PDB file of N, CA and C in Angstrom:
ATOM      1  N   MET A   1      96.940 143.795 113.553  1.00  0.00           N
ATOM      2  CA  MET A   1      97.329 143.430 114.882  1.00  0.00           C
ATOM      3  C   MET A   1      98.580 144.213 115.251  1.00  0.00           C
ATOM      4  N   THR A   2      98.581 144.789 116.424  1.00  0.00           N
ATOM      5  CA  THR A   2      99.695 145.639 116.816  1.00  0.00           C
ATOM      6  C   THR A   2     100.793 144.893 117.558  1.00  0.00           C
ATOM      7  N   GLY A   3     100.513 143.710 118.097  1.00  0.00           N
ATOM      8  CA  GLY A   3     101.535 142.950 118.819  1.00  0.00           C
ATOM      9  C   GLY A   3     101.030 141.571 119.171  1.00  0.00           C
ATOM     10  N   TRP A   4     101.946 140.734 119.598  1.00  0.00           N
ATOM     11  CA  TRP A   4     101.589 139.373 119.968  1.00  0.00           C
ATOM     12  C   TRP A   4     101.341 139.277 121.455  1.00  0.00           C
ATOM     13  N   VAL A   5     100.247 138.660 121.814  1.00  0.00           N
ATOM     14  CA  VAL A   5      99.909 138.396 123.202  1.00  0.00           C
ATOM     15  C   VAL A   5      99.910 136.873 123.356  1.00  0.00           C
ATOM     16  N   GLY A   6     100.606 136.388 124.366  1.00  0.00           N
ATOM     17  CA  GLY A   6     100.702 134.949 124.554  1.00  0.00           C
ATOM     18  C   GLY A   6      99.382 134.341 125.008  1.00  0.00           C
ATOM     19  N   GLY A   7      99.272 133.041 124.822  1.00  0.00           N
ATOM     20  CA  GLY A   7      98.083 132.322 125.250  1.00  0.00           C
ATOM     21  C   GLY A   7      97.349 131.727 124.075  1.00  0.00           C
ATOM     22  N   LEU A   8      96.072 131.547 124.245  1.00  0.00           N
ATOM     23  CA  LEU A   8      95.230 130.898 123.258  1.00  0.00           C
ATOM     24  C   LEU A   8      94.200 131.885 122.744  1.00  0.00           C
ATOM     25  N   GLN A   9      94.061 131.959 121.430  1.00  0.00           N
ATOM     26  CA  GLN A   9      93.069 132.833 120.825  1.00  0.00           C
ATOM     27  C   GLN A   9      92.308 132.035 119.774  1.00  0.00           C
ATOM     28  N   ILE A  10      90.989 132.108 119.832  1.00  0.00           N
ATOM     29  CA  ILE A  10      90.136 131.451 118.843  1.00  0.00           C
ATOM     30  C   ILE A  10      89.337 132.539 118.148  1.00  0.00           C
ATOM     31  N   ARG A  11      89.300 132.486 116.824  1.00  0.00           N
ATOM     32  CA  ARG A  11      88.612 133.561 116.115  1.00  0.00           C
ATOM     33  C   ARG A  11      87.969 133.072 114.831  1.00  0.00           C
ATOM     34  N   ARG A  12      87.001 133.827 114.381  1.00  0.00           N
ATOM     35  CA  ARG A  12      86.389 133.740 113.063  1.00  0.00           C
ATOM     36  C   ARG A  12      86.179 135.166 112.632  1.00  0.00           C
ATOM     37  N   THR A  13      86.591 135.490 111.437  1.00  0.00           N
ATOM     38  CA  THR A  13      86.468 136.874 111.008  1.00  0.00           C
ATOM     39  C   THR A  13      85.028 137.256 110.709  1.00  0.00           C
ATOM     40  N   GLU A  14      84.246 136.331 110.157  1.00  0.00           N
ATOM     41  CA  GLU A  14      82.837 136.600 109.878  1.00  0.00           C
ATOM     42  C   GLU A  14      82.039 135.327 110.103  1.00  0.00           C
ATOM     43  N   LYS A  15      80.747 135.472 110.259  1.00  0.00           N
ATOM     44  CA  LYS A  15      79.878 134.313 110.478  1.00  0.00           C
ATOM     45  C   LYS A  15      79.998 133.329 109.314  1.00  0.00           C
ATOM     46  N   GLY A  16      80.148 132.060 109.658  1.00  0.00           N
ATOM     47  CA  GLY A  16      80.219 131.028 108.648  1.00  0.00           C
ATOM     48  C   GLY A  16      81.617 130.701 108.160  1.00  0.00           C
ATOM     49  N   GLN A  17      82.615 131.460 108.567  1.00  0.00           N
ATOM     50  CA  GLN A  17      83.969 131.174 108.130  1.00  0.00           C
ATOM     51  C   GLN A  17      84.619 130.123 109.008  1.00  0.00           C
ATOM     52  N   THR A  18      85.712 129.585 108.547  1.00  0.00           N
ATOM     53  CA  THR A  18      86.446 128.551 109.263  1.00  0.00           C
ATOM     54  C   THR A  18      87.051 129.115 110.540  1.00  0.00           C
ATOM     55  N   PRO A  19      86.844 128.445 111.679  1.00  0.00           N
ATOM     56  CA  PRO A  19      87.466 128.896 112.919  1.00  0.00           C
ATOM     57  C   PRO A  19      88.979 128.640 112.897  1.00  0.00           C
ATOM     58  N   VAL A  20      89.712 129.533 113.541  1.00  0.00           N
ATOM     59  CA  VAL A  20      91.165 129.440 113.618  1.00  0.00           C
ATOM     60  C   VAL A  20      91.573 129.593 115.080  1.00  0.00           C
ATOM     61  N   ALA A  21      92.429 128.687 115.555  1.00  0.00           N
ATOM     62  CA  ALA A  21      92.949 128.774 116.915  1.00  0.00           C
ATOM     63  C   ALA A  21      94.451 129.015 116.830  1.00  0.00           C
ATOM     64  N   ASP A  22      94.935 130.007 117.564  1.00  0.00           N
ATOM     65  CA  ASP A  22      96.359 130.295 117.654  1.00  0.00           C
ATOM     66  C   ASP A  22      96.799 130.105 119.093  1.00  0.00           C
ATOM     67  N   PHE A  23      97.936 129.420 119.271  1.00  0.00           N
ATOM     68  CA  PHE A  23      98.533 129.268 120.592  1.00  0.00           C
ATOM     69  C   PHE A  23      99.943 129.818 120.521  1.00  0.00           C
ATOM     70  N   LEU A  24     100.290 130.720 121.442  1.00  0.00           N
ATOM     71  CA  LEU A  24     101.633 131.292 121.500  1.00  0.00           C
ATOM     72  C   LEU A  24     102.143 131.212 122.923  1.00  0.00           C
ATOM     73  N   CYS A  25     103.306 130.597 123.093  1.00  0.00           N
ATOM     74  CA  CYS A  25     103.983 130.563 124.388  1.00  0.00           C
ATOM     75  C   CYS A  25     104.999 131.693 124.390  1.00  0.00           C
ATOM     76  N   THR A  26     104.819 132.670 125.264  1.00  0.00           N
ATOM     77  CA  THR A  26     105.737 133.800 125.302  1.00  0.00           C
ATOM     78  C   THR A  26     107.052 133.447 125.980  1.00  0.00           C
ATOM     79  N   ALA A  27     107.095 132.349 126.719  1.00  0.00           N
ATOM     80  CA  ALA A  27     108.327 131.951 127.396  1.00  0.00           C
ATOM     81  C   ALA A  27     109.337 131.364 126.414  1.00  0.00           C
ATOM     82  N   CYS A  28     108.877 130.493 125.502  1.00  0.00           N
ATOM     83  CA  CYS A  28     109.808 129.838 124.581  1.00  0.00           C
ATOM     84  C   CYS A  28     109.609 130.243 123.121  1.00  0.00           C
ATOM     85  N   GLY A  29     108.509 130.914 122.808  1.00  0.00           N
ATOM     86  CA  GLY A  29     108.269 131.382 121.449  1.00  0.00           C
ATOM     87  C   GLY A  29     107.552 130.393 120.545  1.00  0.00           C
ATOM     88  N   THR A  30     107.062 129.297 121.092  1.00  0.00           N
ATOM     89  CA  THR A  30     106.341 128.305 120.286  1.00  0.00           C
ATOM     90  C   THR A  30     105.007 128.881 119.820  1.00  0.00           C
ATOM     91  N   HIS A  31     104.720 128.695 118.522  1.00  0.00           N
ATOM     92  CA  HIS A  31     103.457 129.162 117.957  1.00  0.00           C
ATOM     93  C   HIS A  31     102.821 128.022 117.182  1.00  0.00           C
ATOM     94  N   ARG A  32     101.547 127.786 117.409  1.00  0.00           N
ATOM     95  CA  ARG A  32     100.792 126.787 116.660  1.00  0.00           C
ATOM     96  C   ARG A  32      99.512 127.434 116.161  1.00  0.00           C
ATOM     97  N   ARG A  33      99.164 127.155 114.904  1.00  0.00           N
ATOM     98  CA  ARG A  33      97.908 127.634 114.327  1.00  0.00           C
ATOM     99  C   ARG A  33      97.147 126.430 113.796  1.00  0.00           C
ATOM    100  N   ILE A  34      95.897 126.328 114.213  1.00  0.00           N
ATOM    101  CA  ILE A  34      95.029 125.228 113.811  1.00  0.00           C
ATOM    102  C   ILE A  34      93.813 125.845 113.137  1.00  0.00           C
ATOM    103  N   ALA A  35      93.415 125.305 111.991  1.00  0.00           N
ATOM    104  CA  ALA A  35      92.247 125.817 111.271  1.00  0.00           C
ATOM    105  C   ALA A  35      91.293 124.674 110.955  1.00  0.00           C
ATOM    106  N   GLY A  36      90.025 124.963 111.028  1.00  0.00           N
ATOM    107  CA  GLY A  36      88.991 123.972 110.738  1.00  0.00           C
ATOM    108  C   GLY A  36      88.202 123.646 111.994  1.00  0.00           C
ATOM    109  N   ARG A  37      86.893 123.536 111.851  1.00  0.00           N
ATOM    110  CA  ARG A  37      86.005 123.341 112.993  1.00  0.00           C
ATOM    111  C   ARG A  37      86.390 122.115 113.824  1.00  0.00           C
ATOM    112  N   GLN A  38      86.548 120.959 113.199  1.00  0.00           N
ATOM    113  CA  GLN A  38      86.847 119.737 113.951  1.00  0.00           C
ATOM    114  C   GLN A  38      88.261 119.762 114.520  1.00  0.00           C
ATOM    115  N   LYS A  39      89.218 120.280 113.762  1.00  0.00           N
ATOM    116  CA  LYS A  39      90.600 120.356 114.248  1.00  0.00           C
ATOM    117  C   LYS A  39      90.711 121.287 115.454  1.00  0.00           C
ATOM    118  N   VAL A  40      90.023 122.423 115.409  1.00  0.00           N
ATOM    119  CA  VAL A  40      90.046 123.358 116.535  1.00  0.00           C
ATOM    120  C   VAL A  40      89.380 122.729 117.755  1.00  0.00           C
ATOM    121  N   THR A  41      88.260 122.040 117.554  1.00  0.00           N
ATOM    122  CA  THR A  41      87.574 121.361 118.661  1.00  0.00           C
ATOM    123  C   THR A  41      88.489 120.332 119.319  1.00  0.00           C
ATOM    124  N   ASP A  42      89.163 119.515 118.510  1.00  0.00           N
ATOM    125  CA  ASP A  42      90.082 118.510 119.049  1.00  0.00           C
ATOM    126  C   ASP A  42      91.271 119.161 119.757  1.00  0.00           C
ATOM    127  N   PHE A  43      91.785 120.235 119.180  1.00  0.00           N
ATOM    128  CA  PHE A  43      92.915 120.957 119.771  1.00  0.00           C
ATOM    129  C   PHE A  43      92.551 121.496 121.151  1.00  0.00           C
ATOM    130  N   LEU A  44      91.370 122.076 121.272  1.00  0.00           N
ATOM    131  CA  LEU A  44      90.936 122.623 122.559  1.00  0.00           C
ATOM    132  C   LEU A  44      90.635 121.523 123.571  1.00  0.00           C
ATOM    133  N   ARG A  45      90.123 120.409 123.111  1.00  0.00           N
ATOM    134  CA  ARG A  45      89.839 119.280 123.994  1.00  0.00           C
ATOM    135  C   ARG A  45      91.131 118.756 124.633  1.00  0.00           C
ATOM    136  N   ASP A  46      92.254 118.846 123.907  1.00  0.00           N
ATOM    137  CA  ASP A  46      93.548 118.388 124.414  1.00  0.00           C
ATOM    138  C   ASP A  46      94.192 119.379 125.379  1.00  0.00           C
ATOM    139  N   ASN A  47      93.572 120.546 125.600  1.00  0.00           N
ATOM    140  CA  ASN A  47      94.066 121.575 126.512  1.00  0.00           C
ATOM    141  C   ASN A  47      95.513 121.961 126.183  1.00  0.00           C
ATOM    142  N   PRO A  48      95.728 122.729 125.120  1.00  0.00           N
ATOM    143  CA  PRO A  48      97.075 123.017 124.634  1.00  0.00           C
ATOM    144  C   PRO A  48      97.975 123.753 125.633  1.00  0.00           C
ATOM    145  N   THR A  49      97.418 124.600 126.464  1.00  0.00           N
ATOM    146  CA  THR A  49      98.228 125.344 127.422  1.00  0.00           C
ATOM    147  C   THR A  49      98.869 124.403 128.435  1.00  0.00           C
ATOM    148  N   THR A  50      98.089 123.529 129.017  1.00  0.00           N
ATOM    149  CA  THR A  50      98.610 122.579 129.995  1.00  0.00           C
ATOM    150  C   THR A  50      99.543 121.564 129.335  1.00  0.00           C
ATOM    151  N   ALA A  51      99.188 121.085 128.159  1.00  0.00           N
ATOM    152  CA  ALA A  51     100.017 120.109 127.455  1.00  0.00           C
ATOM    153  C   ALA A  51     101.382 120.699 127.100  1.00  0.00           C
ATOM    154  N   HIS A  52     101.419 121.960 126.704  1.00  0.00           N
ATOM    155  CA  HIS A  52     102.685 122.586 126.323  1.00  0.00           C
ATOM    156  C   HIS A  52     103.579 122.830 127.540  1.00  0.00           C
ATOM    157  N   ARG A  53     102.969 123.121 128.679  1.00  0.00           N
ATOM    158  CA  ARG A  53     103.751 123.374 129.885  1.00  0.00           C
ATOM    159  C   ARG A  53     104.718 122.227 130.201  1.00  0.00           C
ATOM    160  N   ALA A  54     104.282 121.003 129.938  1.00  0.00           N
ATOM    161  CA  ALA A  54     105.114 119.833 130.223  1.00  0.00           C
ATOM    162  C   ALA A  54     106.324 119.736 129.299  1.00  0.00           C
ATOM    163  N   THR A  55     106.233 120.297 128.093  1.00  0.00           N
ATOM    164  CA  THR A  55     107.323 120.178 127.120  1.00  0.00           C
ATOM    165  C   THR A  55     108.010 121.500 126.817  1.00  0.00           C
ATOM    166  N   CYS A  56     107.606 122.582 127.445  1.00  0.00           N
ATOM    167  CA  CYS A  56     108.161 123.910 127.170  1.00  0.00           C
ATOM    168  C   CYS A  56     109.646 123.957 127.513  1.00  0.00           C
ATOM    169  N   SER A  57     110.450 124.372 126.563  1.00  0.00           N
ATOM    170  CA  SER A  57     111.897 124.431 126.786  1.00  0.00           C
ATOM    171  C   SER A  57     112.269 125.460 127.848  1.00  0.00           C
ATOM    172  N   ALA A  58     111.449 126.467 128.066  1.00  0.00           N
ATOM    173  CA  ALA A  58     111.736 127.478 129.080  1.00  0.00           C
ATOM    174  C   ALA A  58     111.536 126.932 130.496  1.00  0.00           C
ATOM    175  N   ASN A  59     110.765 125.845 130.636  1.00  0.00           N
ATOM    176  CA  ASN A  59     110.527 125.244 131.945  1.00  0.00           C
ATOM    177  C   ASN A  59     111.511 124.133 132.282  1.00  0.00           C
ATOM    178  N   GLN A  60     112.357 123.761 131.330  1.00  0.00           N
ATOM    179  CA  GLN A  60     113.315 122.677 131.556  1.00  0.00           C
ATOM    180  C   GLN A  60     114.512 123.199 132.354  1.00  0.00           C
ATOM    181  N   LYS A  61     115.019 122.402 133.260  1.00  0.00           N
ATOM    182  CA  LYS A  61     116.175 122.803 134.046  1.00  0.00           C
ATOM    183  C   LYS A  61     117.406 122.875 133.139  1.00  0.00           C
ATOM    184  N   GLY A  62     118.237 123.858 133.399  1.00  0.00           N
ATOM    185  CA  GLY A  62     119.480 123.992 132.651  1.00  0.00           C
ATOM    186  C   GLY A  62     119.327 124.780 131.374  1.00  0.00           C
ATOM    187  N   THR A  63     118.175 125.330 131.077  1.00  0.00           N
ATOM    188  CA  THR A  63     117.987 126.143 129.883  1.00  0.00           C
ATOM    189  C   THR A  63     117.719 127.572 130.278  1.00  0.00           C
ATOM    190  N   THR A  64     117.979 128.469 129.370  1.00  0.00           N
ATOM    191  CA  THR A  64     117.729 129.877 129.634  1.00  0.00           C
ATOM    192  C   THR A  64     116.558 130.344 128.787  1.00  0.00           C
ATOM    193  N   GLN A  65     115.875 131.359 129.262  1.00  0.00           N
ATOM    194  CA  GLN A  65     114.765 131.925 128.507  1.00  0.00           C
ATOM    195  C   GLN A  65     115.299 132.926 127.513  1.00  0.00           C
ATOM    196  N   ARG A  66     114.507 133.170 126.478  1.00  0.00           N
ATOM    197  CA  ARG A  66     114.887 134.152 125.452  1.00  0.00           C
ATOM    198  C   ARG A  66     114.719 135.539 125.970  1.00  0.00           C
TER     199      ARG A  66
END
């Protein structure tokens, strides 16, 4: 990988392997990695992008971005 791109990425390297979901907020630098079919399904059902927006330190008043 040549660089980090913010957002949500779901991947499996080969058929039959465990799915992995990565979430990166480029505003505050928060990174979460979830592995496993059921855990990834639950993580996506919770809509991580919208859920993080409410708690993102870069969106809070009185804070500065990195």
